[in-house]
C-alpha cells in the first residue's frame, strides 16, 4: 500500500540522491539496486546516453519500497524524473 507518508519519505530520499547526482555533474544515470533498477534523467536529457553509477543507501530506499509491496515508481523531482522497477 502506498500511503502519502511513505510516498513523501521516499521522494525526500530520492531528492537527496538527485541533489548528489547533480552535484557530481550527472544528467542521465542507471542505478542498480538489489531487486530492481532505478533510472534518473534530468529534464531535457532523456536522449543522452545513460551512465551506470553506484549510490549509497539506494538499497535501503529500495528495501522500504519492496517491504511495502511496491513494484514500480515514477516520481518527479526538482530537476528530473526518477523511475524504478523490480527486475523479473
C-alpha atoms as a PDB file:
ATOM      1  CA  UNK A   1       0.000   0.000   0.000  1.00  0.00           C
ATOM      2  CA  UNK A   2       1.293   3.441  -0.879  1.00  0.00           C
ATOM      3  CA  UNK A   3       0.484   5.826   1.902  1.00  0.00           C
ATOM      4  CA  UNK A   4       1.052   9.525   1.446  1.00  0.00           C
ATOM      5  CA  UNK A   5       3.581   9.424   4.279  1.00  0.00           C
ATOM      6  CA  UNK A   6       5.572   6.611   2.607  1.00  0.00           C
ATOM      7  CA  UNK A   7       5.498   8.343  -0.759  1.00  0.00           C
ATOM      8  CA  UNK A   8       6.722  11.600   0.741  1.00  0.00           C
ATOM      9  CA  UNK A   9       9.538   9.862   2.655  1.00  0.00           C
ATOM     10  CA  UNK A  10      10.747   8.007  -0.454  1.00  0.00           C
ATOM     11  CA  UNK A  11      10.500  11.191  -2.540  1.00  0.00           C
ATOM     12  CA  UNK A  12      12.597  13.093   0.007  1.00  0.00           C
ATOM     13  CA  UNK A  13      15.288  10.382  -0.018  1.00  0.00           C
ATOM     14  CA  UNK A  14      15.292  10.328  -3.809  1.00  0.00           C
ATOM     15  CA  UNK A  15      15.523  14.124  -3.887  1.00  0.00           C
ATOM     16  CA  UNK A  16      18.719  13.830  -1.838  1.00  0.00           C
ATOM     17  CA  UNK A  17      20.007  11.283  -4.377  1.00  0.00           C
ATOM     18  CA  UNK A  18      19.159  13.691  -7.205  1.00  0.00           C
ATOM     19  CA  UNK A  19      20.955  16.531  -5.441  1.00  0.00           C
ATOM     20  CA  UNK A  20      24.103  14.374  -5.161  1.00  0.00           C
ATOM     21  CA  UNK A  21      23.881  13.359  -8.828  1.00  0.00           C
ATOM     22  CA  UNK A  22      23.566  16.975  -9.939  1.00  0.00           C
ATOM     23  CA  UNK A  23      26.491  17.965  -7.711  1.00  0.00           C
ATOM     24  CA  UNK A  24      28.505  15.238  -9.457  1.00  0.00           C
ATOM     25  CA  UNK A  25      27.591  16.655 -12.884  1.00  0.00           C
ATOM     26  CA  UNK A  26      25.358  13.723 -13.878  1.00  0.00           C
ATOM     27  CA  UNK A  27      22.399  14.097 -16.248  1.00  0.00           C
ATOM     28  CA  UNK A  28      21.149  10.581 -17.046  1.00  0.00           C
ATOM     29  CA  UNK A  29      22.037   7.572 -14.911  1.00  0.00           C
ATOM     30  CA  UNK A  30      21.108   3.984 -14.198  1.00  0.00           C
ATOM     31  CA  UNK A  31      21.433   2.752 -10.622  1.00  0.00           C
ATOM     32  CA  UNK A  32      21.201  -0.969  -9.971  1.00  0.00           C
ATOM     33  CA  UNK A  33      19.591  -1.918  -6.693  1.00  0.00           C
ATOM     34  CA  UNK A  34      19.446  -5.371  -5.177  1.00  0.00           C
ATOM     35  CA  UNK A  35      15.991  -6.107  -6.599  1.00  0.00           C
ATOM     36  CA  UNK A  36      15.412  -3.552  -9.322  1.00  0.00           C
ATOM     37  CA  UNK A  37      16.786  -0.761 -11.450  1.00  0.00           C
ATOM     38  CA  UNK A  38      16.482   2.982 -10.963  1.00  0.00           C
ATOM     39  CA  UNK A  39      16.795   5.388 -13.874  1.00  0.00           C
ATOM     40  CA  UNK A  40      17.158   9.095 -13.286  1.00  0.00           C
ATOM     41  CA  UNK A  41      17.090  11.711 -16.007  1.00  0.00           C
ATOM     42  CA  UNK A  42      17.431  15.450 -15.589  1.00  0.00           C
ATOM     43  CA  UNK A  43      14.731  17.332 -17.514  1.00  0.00           C
ATOM     44  CA  UNK A  44      15.747  17.552 -21.182  1.00  0.00           C
ATOM     45  CA  UNK A  45      18.396  14.813 -21.076  1.00  0.00           C
ATOM     46  CA  UNK A  46      16.346  11.710 -21.857  1.00  0.00           C
ATOM     47  CA  UNK A  47      18.070  11.228 -25.218  1.00  0.00           C
ATOM     48  CA  UNK A  48      21.553  11.386 -23.712  1.00  0.00           C
ATOM     49  CA  UNK A  49      23.364   8.098 -23.031  1.00  0.00           C
ATOM     50  CA  UNK A  50      22.799   6.745 -19.525  1.00  0.00           C
ATOM     51  CA  UNK A  51      25.761   6.250 -17.231  1.00  0.00           C
ATOM     52  CA  UNK A  52      25.854   3.387 -14.702  1.00  0.00           C
ATOM     53  CA  UNK A  53      26.539   4.714 -11.209  1.00  0.00           C
ATOM     54  CA  UNK A  54      26.520   3.440  -7.645  1.00  0.00           C
ATOM     55  CA  UNK A  55      24.611   5.353  -4.989  1.00  0.00           C
ATOM     56  CA  UNK A  56      24.988   4.788  -1.267  1.00  0.00           C
ATOM     57  CA  UNK A  57      21.753   3.960   0.520  1.00  0.00           C
ATOM     58  CA  UNK A  58      19.857   3.157  -2.698  1.00  0.00           C
ATOM     59  CA  UNK A  59      19.264  -0.405  -1.483  1.00  0.00           C
ATOM     60  CA  UNK A  60      17.835   0.955   1.779  1.00  0.00           C
ATOM     61  CA  UNK A  61      15.353   3.053  -0.189  1.00  0.00           C
ATOM     62  CA  UNK A  62      14.567   0.077  -2.412  1.00  0.00           C
ATOM     63  CA  UNK A  63      14.039  -2.229   0.582  1.00  0.00           C
ATOM     64  CA  UNK A  64      11.439   0.149   2.004  1.00  0.00           C
ATOM     65  CA  UNK A  65       9.537   0.187  -1.297  1.00  0.00           C
ATOM     66  CA  UNK A  66       9.659  -3.613  -1.610  1.00  0.00           C
ATOM     67  CA  UNK A  67       8.595  -4.095   2.031  1.00  0.00           C
ATOM     68  CA  UNK A  68       5.519  -2.001   1.270  1.00  0.00           C
ATOM     69  CA  UNK A  69       4.666  -4.032  -1.829  1.00  0.00           C
ATOM     70  CA  UNK A  70       5.665  -1.519  -4.470  1.00  0.00           C
ATOM     71  CA  UNK A  71       6.816  -2.927  -7.798  1.00  0.00           C
ATOM     72  CA  UNK A  72       7.440   0.310  -9.654  1.00  0.00           C
ATOM     73  CA  UNK A  73       7.835   4.027  -9.076  1.00  0.00           C
ATOM     74  CA  UNK A  74       7.792   7.186 -11.170  1.00  0.00           C
ATOM     75  CA  UNK A  75       8.457  10.363  -9.242  1.00  0.00           C
ATOM     76  CA  UNK A  76       9.061  13.906 -10.427  1.00  0.00           C
ATOM     77  CA  UNK A  77      11.861  15.588  -8.514  1.00  0.00           C
ATOM     78  CA  UNK A  78      13.082  19.184  -8.604  1.00  0.00           C
ATOM     79  CA  UNK A  79      15.335  18.724 -11.637  1.00  0.00           C
ATOM     80  CA  UNK A  80      14.368  15.418 -13.166  1.00  0.00           C
ATOM     81  CA  UNK A  81      12.433  12.173 -13.130  1.00  0.00           C
ATOM     82  CA  UNK A  82      13.304   9.045 -11.158  1.00  0.00           C
ATOM     83  CA  UNK A  83      11.903   5.706 -12.271  1.00  0.00           C
ATOM     84  CA  UNK A  84      12.295   2.345 -10.583  1.00  0.00           C
ATOM     85  CA  UNK A  85      11.017  -1.121 -11.428  1.00  0.00           C
ATOM     86  CA  UNK A  86      11.532  -4.549  -9.950  1.00  0.00           C
ATOM     87  CA  UNK A  87      13.509  -6.862 -12.163  1.00  0.00           C
ATOM     88  CA  UNK A  88      11.918 -10.209 -13.036  1.00  0.00           C
END
